[in-house]
Amino acid sequence: MHYHWNWAIFGELSPDGVHTYWDTLLSGLGWTLATSLCGWVMALALGLAVGTLRTLPSPWLRRLGTAYVELFRNVPLLVQMFLWFFVMPELLPQAAGDWLKALPNAPFLTAVVCLGFFTSARVAVQVTAGIEALAGGQRLAALALGLRLPQAYRYVLLPLALRIVLPPLTSEFLNIIKNSSVALTIGLMELTASARAIQEFSFQVFEAFSAATAIYVLANLVVIAAMHWLERRLALPGTLGRH
């Protein structure tokens, strides 16, 4: 059977009679970026906290941080997405569960929370590695200057560690953009779901997913360029092997 290519499909009206198929893709891109950015902010905040816990002197705090990482890192993202969306409301008191189910943006909020927790475990590992990569004298020198342990982490250890792990954090940022596509399984009309909708209505499967692929690549290239700029801007000559 011969496939009929039709790249003009994106200028045609979608079944709603108001928006074009190109508008559908742009709407999906908007949801993808919103979900990814919100999830990334959550993941970075939790990852910093948990990654720091795993390097503290207290063995109990280190075990708590490690347990968090192992829990969220070893359960598949799709399973976690279903647990947050379908199971969590049933575990809460009925009023709270019904309120969650009735939220107009429940798929979006669920995707943000799921991606935030899932990615935070990976960020925590990167943060821990960055702190442990620093020379042991950094912590002792900070404490010798009169800084308390929280101050040593805030002003000395974490700023240096984050500069070290910025490249792997870039990879995690790219991953969360790609992982947001899993949210289509709970009804979020992000970019992949939008491409799938175009394919179902127009039967132009190759055009729909080729356009979605190109948009993913472009978005990721923008992120890479921005993170490379940030890495150069934050580099400390002589401290991280840069001159």
C-alpha atoms as a PDB file:
ATOM      1  CA  MET A   1       0.000   0.000   0.000  1.00  0.00           C
ATOM      2  CA  HIS A   2       1.418   3.384  -1.009  1.00  0.00           C
ATOM      3  CA  TYR A   3       1.585   6.000   1.773  1.00  0.00           C
ATOM      4  CA  HIS A   4       0.320   9.453   0.795  1.00  0.00           C
ATOM      5  CA  TRP A   5       2.559  12.161   2.296  1.00  0.00           C
ATOM      6  CA  ASN A   6       0.793  15.401   3.191  1.00  0.00           C
ATOM      7  CA  TRP A   7       2.906  17.956   5.041  1.00  0.00           C
ATOM      8  CA  ALA A   8       0.163  20.543   4.527  1.00  0.00           C
ATOM      9  CA  ILE A   9      -1.856  18.694   7.162  1.00  0.00           C
ATOM     10  CA  PHE A  10      -0.560  21.042   9.870  1.00  0.00           C
ATOM     11  CA  GLY A  11      -2.359  23.982   8.277  1.00  0.00           C
ATOM     12  CA  GLU A  12      -5.700  22.187   8.243  1.00  0.00           C
ATOM     13  CA  LEU A  13      -8.328  22.554  10.940  1.00  0.00           C
ATOM     14  CA  SER A  14      -8.473  19.942  13.663  1.00  0.00           C
ATOM     15  CA  PRO A  15     -11.815  18.303  14.538  1.00  0.00           C
ATOM     16  CA  ASP A  16     -12.652  21.148  16.943  1.00  0.00           C
ATOM     17  CA  GLY A  17     -13.070  23.403  13.920  1.00  0.00           C
ATOM     18  CA  VAL A  18     -11.128  26.249  15.560  1.00  0.00           C
ATOM     19  CA  HIS A  19      -7.477  25.257  15.830  1.00  0.00           C
ATOM     20  CA  THR A  20      -5.143  23.869  13.209  1.00  0.00           C
ATOM     21  CA  TYR A  21      -3.111  20.732  13.723  1.00  0.00           C
ATOM     22  CA  TRP A  22      -0.050  22.964  14.115  1.00  0.00           C
ATOM     23  CA  ASP A  23      -1.831  24.707  17.011  1.00  0.00           C
ATOM     24  CA  THR A  24      -2.383  21.267  18.514  1.00  0.00           C
ATOM     25  CA  LEU A  25       1.359  20.562  18.412  1.00  0.00           C
ATOM     26  CA  LEU A  26       2.201  23.948  19.923  1.00  0.00           C
ATOM     27  CA  SER A  27      -0.311  23.372  22.714  1.00  0.00           C
ATOM     28  CA  GLY A  28       1.297  19.999  23.391  1.00  0.00           C
ATOM     29  CA  LEU A  29       4.723  21.628  23.458  1.00  0.00           C
ATOM     30  CA  GLY A  30       3.443  24.138  25.993  1.00  0.00           C
ATOM     31  CA  TRP A  31       2.225  21.371  28.306  1.00  0.00           C
ATOM     32  CA  THR A  32       5.501  19.473  27.846  1.00  0.00           C
ATOM     33  CA  LEU A  33       7.600  22.501  28.786  1.00  0.00           C
ATOM     34  CA  ALA A  34       5.364  23.457  31.713  1.00  0.00           C
ATOM     35  CA  THR A  35       5.406  19.917  33.096  1.00  0.00           C
ATOM     36  CA  SER A  36       9.147  19.539  32.604  1.00  0.00           C
ATOM     37  CA  LEU A  37      10.096  22.892  34.128  1.00  0.00           C
ATOM     38  CA  CYS A  38       7.833  22.520  37.164  1.00  0.00           C
ATOM     39  CA  GLY A  39       9.014  18.950  37.675  1.00  0.00           C
ATOM     40  CA  TRP A  40      12.640  20.056  37.314  1.00  0.00           C
ATOM     41  CA  VAL A  41      12.292  22.774  39.968  1.00  0.00           C
ATOM     42  CA  MET A  42      10.812  20.202  42.346  1.00  0.00           C
ATOM     43  CA  ALA A  43      13.455  17.606  41.468  1.00  0.00           C
ATOM     44  CA  LEU A  44      16.317  20.046  41.948  1.00  0.00           C
ATOM     45  CA  ALA A  45      15.060  21.208  45.350  1.00  0.00           C
ATOM     46  CA  LEU A  46      14.444  17.669  46.636  1.00  0.00           C
ATOM     47  CA  GLY A  47      17.629  16.350  45.020  1.00  0.00           C
ATOM     48  CA  LEU A  48      19.760  18.988  46.721  1.00  0.00           C
ATOM     49  CA  ALA A  49      18.213  18.184  50.105  1.00  0.00           C
ATOM     50  CA  VAL A  50      18.455  14.400  49.767  1.00  0.00           C
ATOM     51  CA  GLY A  51      21.902  14.494  48.172  1.00  0.00           C
ATOM     52  CA  THR A  52      23.147  16.588  51.085  1.00  0.00           C
ATOM     53  CA  LEU A  53      21.578  14.199  53.603  1.00  0.00           C
ATOM     54  CA  ARG A  54      23.606  11.349  52.127  1.00  0.00           C
ATOM     55  CA  THR A  55      26.878  13.119  52.997  1.00  0.00           C
ATOM     56  CA  LEU A  56      26.113  14.252  56.553  1.00  0.00           C
ATOM     57  CA  PRO A  57      27.986  12.782  59.533  1.00  0.00           C
ATOM     58  CA  SER A  58      24.813  11.224  60.984  1.00  0.00           C
ATOM     59  CA  PRO A  59      24.496   7.586  59.792  1.00  0.00           C
ATOM     60  CA  TRP A  60      20.705   7.673  60.266  1.00  0.00           C
ATOM     61  CA  LEU A  61      20.305  10.690  58.019  1.00  0.00           C
ATOM     62  CA  ARG A  62      22.539   9.070  55.420  1.00  0.00           C
ATOM     63  CA  ARG A  63      20.422   5.909  55.521  1.00  0.00           C
ATOM     64  CA  LEU A  64      17.239   7.973  55.191  1.00  0.00           C
ATOM     65  CA  GLY A  65      18.628   9.688  52.104  1.00  0.00           C
ATOM     66  CA  THR A  66      19.776   6.396  50.610  1.00  0.00           C
ATOM     67  CA  ALA A  67      16.367   4.794  51.229  1.00  0.00           C
ATOM     68  CA  TYR A  68      14.693   7.701  49.420  1.00  0.00           C
ATOM     69  CA  VAL A  69      17.005   7.323  46.432  1.00  0.00           C
ATOM     70  CA  GLU A  70      16.567   3.562  46.200  1.00  0.00           C
ATOM     71  CA  LEU A  71      12.778   3.822  46.448  1.00  0.00           C
ATOM     72  CA  PHE A  72      12.220   6.363  43.690  1.00  0.00           C
ATOM     73  CA  ARG A  73      15.109   5.334  41.458  1.00  0.00           C
ATOM     74  CA  ASN A  74      14.283   1.633  41.250  1.00  0.00           C
ATOM     75  CA  VAL A  75      10.537   1.795  40.545  1.00  0.00           C
ATOM     76  CA  PRO A  76       9.785   2.333  36.823  1.00  0.00           C
ATOM     77  CA  LEU A  77       8.495   5.784  35.942  1.00  0.00           C
ATOM     78  CA  LEU A  78       5.329   4.415  34.321  1.00  0.00           C
ATOM     79  CA  VAL A  79       4.463   2.474  37.472  1.00  0.00           C
ATOM     80  CA  GLN A  80       5.018   5.559  39.609  1.00  0.00           C
ATOM     81  CA  MET A  81       2.822   7.618  37.286  1.00  0.00           C
ATOM     82  CA  PHE A  82      -0.038   5.129  37.681  1.00  0.00           C
ATOM     83  CA  LEU A  83       0.466   4.927  41.457  1.00  0.00           C
ATOM     84  CA  TRP A  84       0.273   8.698  41.875  1.00  0.00           C
ATOM     85  CA  PHE A  85      -2.745   9.087  39.577  1.00  0.00           C
ATOM     86  CA  PHE A  86      -4.867   6.016  40.256  1.00  0.00           C
ATOM     87  CA  VAL A  87      -3.786   4.659  43.653  1.00  0.00           C
ATOM     88  CA  MET A  88      -2.856   7.691  45.781  1.00  0.00           C
ATOM     89  CA  PRO A  89      -6.379   9.261  45.747  1.00  0.00           C
ATOM     90  CA  GLU A  90      -7.805   5.933  46.966  1.00  0.00           C
ATOM     91  CA  LEU A  91      -5.372   5.820  49.906  1.00  0.00           C
ATOM     92  CA  LEU A  92      -6.343   9.267  51.175  1.00  0.00           C
ATOM     93  CA  PRO A  93      -9.491  10.057  53.185  1.00  0.00           C
ATOM     94  CA  GLN A  94     -12.481  10.075  50.855  1.00  0.00           C
ATOM     95  CA  ALA A  95     -12.932  13.855  50.890  1.00  0.00           C
ATOM     96  CA  ALA A  96      -9.296  14.463  50.008  1.00  0.00           C
ATOM     97  CA  GLY A  97      -9.336  11.735  47.366  1.00  0.00           C
ATOM     98  CA  ASP A  98     -12.484  13.119  45.740  1.00  0.00           C
ATOM     99  CA  TRP A  99     -10.955  16.606  45.753  1.00  0.00           C
ATOM    100  CA  LEU A 100      -7.848  15.336  43.969  1.00  0.00           C
ATOM    101  CA  LYS A 101      -9.900  13.510  41.358  1.00  0.00           C
ATOM    102  CA  ALA A 102     -11.993  16.619  40.702  1.00  0.00           C
ATOM    103  CA  LEU A 103      -9.046  18.937  40.069  1.00  0.00           C
ATOM    104  CA  PRO A 104      -9.289  20.317  36.511  1.00  0.00           C
ATOM    105  CA  ASN A 105      -5.554  19.906  35.928  1.00  0.00           C
ATOM    106  CA  ALA A 106      -5.137  16.624  37.812  1.00  0.00           C
ATOM    107  CA  PRO A 107      -3.052  14.940  35.050  1.00  0.00           C
ATOM    108  CA  PHE A 108      -0.697  17.926  34.921  1.00  0.00           C
ATOM    109  CA  LEU A 109      -0.245  18.117  38.692  1.00  0.00           C
ATOM    110  CA  THR A 110       0.217  14.366  38.934  1.00  0.00           C
ATOM    111  CA  ALA A 111       2.827  14.387  36.176  1.00  0.00           C
ATOM    112  CA  VAL A 112       4.748  17.208  37.875  1.00  0.00           C
ATOM    113  CA  VAL A 113       4.782  15.423  41.235  1.00  0.00           C
ATOM    114  CA  CYS A 114       5.721  12.075  39.701  1.00  0.00           C
ATOM    115  CA  LEU A 115       8.518  13.494  37.547  1.00  0.00           C
ATOM    116  CA  GLY A 116       9.728  15.604  40.463  1.00  0.00           C
ATOM    117  CA  PHE A 117      10.111  12.663  42.841  1.00  0.00           C
ATOM    118  CA  PHE A 118      11.482  10.306  40.189  1.00  0.00           C
ATOM    119  CA  THR A 119      14.096  12.747  38.917  1.00  0.00           C
ATOM    120  CA  SER A 120      15.003  14.017  42.392  1.00  0.00           C
ATOM    121  CA  ALA A 121      16.433  10.593  43.262  1.00  0.00           C
ATOM    122  CA  ARG A 122      18.754  10.810  40.274  1.00  0.00           C
ATOM    123  CA  VAL A 123      19.683  14.420  41.059  1.00  0.00           C
ATOM    124  CA  ALA A 124      20.443  13.416  44.656  1.00  0.00           C
ATOM    125  CA  VAL A 125      22.977  10.857  43.448  1.00  0.00           C
ATOM    126  CA  GLN A 126      24.669  13.518  41.314  1.00  0.00           C
ATOM    127  CA  VAL A 127      24.775  15.991  44.208  1.00  0.00           C
ATOM    128  CA  THR A 128      26.224  13.383  46.551  1.00  0.00           C
ATOM    129  CA  ALA A 129      28.901  12.528  44.004  1.00  0.00           C
ATOM    130  CA  GLY A 130      29.759  16.201  43.580  1.00  0.00           C
ATOM    131  CA  ILE A 131      30.144  16.783  47.322  1.00  0.00           C
ATOM    132  CA  GLU A 132      32.230  13.638  47.763  1.00  0.00           C
ATOM    133  CA  ALA A 133      34.441  14.654  44.817  1.00  0.00           C
ATOM    134  CA  LEU A 134      35.613  17.722  46.707  1.00  0.00           C
ATOM    135  CA  ALA A 135      38.831  17.497  48.673  1.00  0.00           C
ATOM    136  CA  GLY A 136      38.177  16.503  52.274  1.00  0.00           C
ATOM    137  CA  GLY A 137      39.870  19.642  53.501  1.00  0.00           C
ATOM    138  CA  GLN A 138      37.100  21.856  52.099  1.00  0.00           C
ATOM    139  CA  ARG A 139      34.665  20.925  54.862  1.00  0.00           C
ATOM    140  CA  LEU A 140      37.321  21.092  57.574  1.00  0.00           C
ATOM    141  CA  ALA A 141      38.577  24.453  56.347  1.00  0.00           C
ATOM    142  CA  ALA A 142      35.060  25.870  56.373  1.00  0.00           C
ATOM    143  CA  LEU A 143      34.467  24.621  59.904  1.00  0.00           C
ATOM    144  CA  ALA A 144      37.867  25.952  61.010  1.00  0.00           C
ATOM    145  CA  LEU A 145      36.858  29.401  59.786  1.00  0.00           C
ATOM    146  CA  GLY A 146      33.976  29.334  62.257  1.00  0.00           C
ATOM    147  CA  LEU A 147      31.177  28.296  59.941  1.00  0.00           C
ATOM    148  CA  ARG A 148      28.559  25.915  61.289  1.00  0.00           C
ATOM    149  CA  LEU A 149      27.947  22.727  59.306  1.00  0.00           C
ATOM    150  CA  PRO A 150      24.815  24.076  57.537  1.00  0.00           C
ATOM    151  CA  GLN A 151      26.748  27.213  56.616  1.00  0.00           C
ATOM    152  CA  ALA A 152      29.667  25.142  55.333  1.00  0.00           C
ATOM    153  CA  TYR A 153      27.300  23.315  52.995  1.00  0.00           C
ATOM    154  CA  ARG A 154      25.487  26.461  51.902  1.00  0.00           C
ATOM    155  CA  TYR A 155      28.477  28.710  51.253  1.00  0.00           C
ATOM    156  CA  VAL A 156      31.288  26.282  50.399  1.00  0.00           C
ATOM    157  CA  LEU A 157      30.407  22.676  49.604  1.00  0.00           C
ATOM    158  CA  LEU A 158      27.175  22.967  47.605  1.00  0.00           C
ATOM    159  CA  PRO A 159      28.300  25.878  45.361  1.00  0.00           C
ATOM    160  CA  LEU A 160      31.442  23.954  44.394  1.00  0.00           C
ATOM    161  CA  ALA A 161      29.672  20.592  44.083  1.00  0.00           C
ATOM    162  CA  LEU A 162      26.984  21.987  41.804  1.00  0.00           C
ATOM    163  CA  ARG A 163      29.630  23.361  39.461  1.00  0.00           C
ATOM    164  CA  ILE A 164      31.177  19.900  39.250  1.00  0.00           C
ATOM    165  CA  VAL A 165      27.913  18.090  38.516  1.00  0.00           C
ATOM    166  CA  LEU A 166      26.440  20.647  36.123  1.00  0.00           C
ATOM    167  CA  PRO A 167      27.078  18.429  33.030  1.00  0.00           C
ATOM    168  CA  PRO A 168      25.238  15.391  34.474  1.00  0.00           C
ATOM    169  CA  LEU A 169      22.486  17.704  35.725  1.00  0.00           C
ATOM    170  CA  THR A 170      22.090  18.856  32.133  1.00  0.00           C
ATOM    171  CA  SER A 171      21.479  15.232  31.151  1.00  0.00           C
ATOM    172  CA  GLU A 172      18.838  14.909  33.861  1.00  0.00           C
ATOM    173  CA  PHE A 173      17.144  18.079  32.613  1.00  0.00           C
ATOM    174  CA  LEU A 174      17.011  16.581  29.119  1.00  0.00           C
ATOM    175  CA  ASN A 175      15.687  13.325  30.555  1.00  0.00           C
ATOM    176  CA  ILE A 176      12.812  15.003  32.350  1.00  0.00           C
ATOM    177  CA  ILE A 177      11.713  16.650  29.086  1.00  0.00           C
ATOM    178  CA  LYS A 178      11.690  13.267  27.361  1.00  0.00           C
ATOM    179  CA  ASN A 179      10.157  11.463  30.340  1.00  0.00           C
ATOM    180  CA  SER A 180       7.234  13.908  30.355  1.00  0.00           C
ATOM    181  CA  SER A 181       5.864  11.929  27.392  1.00  0.00           C
ATOM    182  CA  VAL A 182       4.853   9.192  29.853  1.00  0.00           C
ATOM    183  CA  ALA A 183       2.163  11.568  31.113  1.00  0.00           C
ATOM    184  CA  LEU A 184       0.065  10.791  28.028  1.00  0.00           C
ATOM    185  CA  THR A 185      -0.922   7.567  29.802  1.00  0.00           C
ATOM    186  CA  ILE A 186      -2.879   9.567  32.396  1.00  0.00           C
ATOM    187  CA  GLY A 187      -4.512  11.923  29.905  1.00  0.00           C
ATOM    188  CA  LEU A 188      -2.123  14.883  29.745  1.00  0.00           C
ATOM    189  CA  MET A 189      -2.138  16.323  26.215  1.00  0.00           C
ATOM    190  CA  GLU A 190       1.600  16.975  26.027  1.00  0.00           C
ATOM    191  CA  LEU A 191       3.616  16.868  22.810  1.00  0.00           C
ATOM    192  CA  THR A 192       3.605  13.108  22.212  1.00  0.00           C
ATOM    193  CA  ALA A 193      -0.098  12.846  23.031  1.00  0.00           C
ATOM    194  CA  SER A 194      -0.794  15.730  20.645  1.00  0.00           C
ATOM    195  CA  ALA A 195       1.111  13.990  17.854  1.00  0.00           C
ATOM    196  CA  ARG A 196      -0.815  10.824  18.581  1.00  0.00           C
ATOM    197  CA  ALA A 197      -4.114  12.723  18.386  1.00  0.00           C
ATOM    198  CA  ILE A 198      -3.134  14.208  15.023  1.00  0.00           C
ATOM    199  CA  GLN A 199      -2.265  10.738  13.755  1.00  0.00           C
ATOM    200  CA  GLU A 200      -5.588   9.321  14.907  1.00  0.00           C
ATOM    201  CA  PHE A 201      -7.671  12.075  13.322  1.00  0.00           C
ATOM    202  CA  SER A 202      -5.729  12.631  10.097  1.00  0.00           C
ATOM    203  CA  PHE A 203      -4.037   9.220   9.618  1.00  0.00           C
ATOM    204  CA  GLN A 204      -0.801  11.118   8.751  1.00  0.00           C
ATOM    205  CA  VAL A 205       1.301   9.198  11.256  1.00  0.00           C
ATOM    206  CA  PHE A 206       4.727   9.951   9.813  1.00  0.00           C
ATOM    207  CA  GLU A 207       4.123  13.681   9.517  1.00  0.00           C
ATOM    208  CA  ALA A 208       2.739  13.939  13.051  1.00  0.00           C
ATOM    209  CA  PHE A 209       5.565  12.104  14.771  1.00  0.00           C
ATOM    210  CA  SER A 210       8.273  13.581  12.521  1.00  0.00           C
ATOM    211  CA  ALA A 211       7.153  17.052  13.573  1.00  0.00           C
ATOM    212  CA  ALA A 212       7.038  16.015  17.241  1.00  0.00           C
ATOM    213  CA  THR A 213      10.537  14.541  16.966  1.00  0.00           C
ATOM    214  CA  ALA A 214      11.891  17.733  15.410  1.00  0.00           C
ATOM    215  CA  ILE A 215      10.319  19.817  18.194  1.00  0.00           C
ATOM    216  CA  TYR A 216      11.823  17.560  20.905  1.00  0.00           C
ATOM    217  CA  VAL A 217      15.254  17.833  19.299  1.00  0.00           C
ATOM    218  CA  LEU A 218      14.997  21.617  19.002  1.00  0.00           C
ATOM    219  CA  ALA A 219      13.868  21.996  22.622  1.00  0.00           C
ATOM    220  CA  ASN A 220      16.712  19.812  23.859  1.00  0.00           C
ATOM    221  CA  LEU A 221      19.276  21.713  21.771  1.00  0.00           C
ATOM    222  CA  VAL A 222      18.100  24.947  23.376  1.00  0.00           C
ATOM    223  CA  VAL A 223      18.487  23.386  26.845  1.00  0.00           C
ATOM    224  CA  ILE A 224      21.985  22.117  25.999  1.00  0.00           C
ATOM    225  CA  ALA A 225      23.069  25.538  24.735  1.00  0.00           C
ATOM    226  CA  ALA A 226      21.672  27.270  27.834  1.00  0.00           C
ATOM    227  CA  MET A 227      23.323  24.811  30.223  1.00  0.00           C
ATOM    228  CA  HIS A 228      26.668  25.084  28.416  1.00  0.00           C
ATOM    229  CA  TRP A 229      26.466  28.861  28.755  1.00  0.00           C
ATOM    230  CA  LEU A 230      25.646  28.505  32.452  1.00  0.00           C
ATOM    231  CA  GLU A 231      28.531  26.073  32.935  1.00  0.00           C
ATOM    232  CA  ARG A 232      31.010  28.512  31.381  1.00  0.00           C
ATOM    233  CA  ARG A 233      29.546  31.390  33.376  1.00  0.00           C
ATOM    234  CA  LEU A 234      29.851  29.590  36.728  1.00  0.00           C
ATOM    235  CA  ALA A 235      33.252  27.976  36.126  1.00  0.00           C
ATOM    236  CA  LEU A 236      35.911  28.827  38.720  1.00  0.00           C
ATOM    237  CA  PRO A 237      39.401  28.889  37.151  1.00  0.00           C
ATOM    238  CA  GLY A 238      41.861  26.730  39.057  1.00  0.00           C
ATOM    239  CA  THR A 239      39.160  25.097  41.183  1.00  0.00           C
ATOM    240  CA  LEU A 240      37.451  22.791  38.714  1.00  0.00           C
ATOM    241  CA  GLY A 241      40.298  22.193  36.309  1.00  0.00           C
ATOM    242  CA  ARG A 242      39.464  25.227  34.138  1.00  0.00           C
ATOM    243  CA  HIS A 243      41.933  27.965  33.227  1.00  0.00           C
END
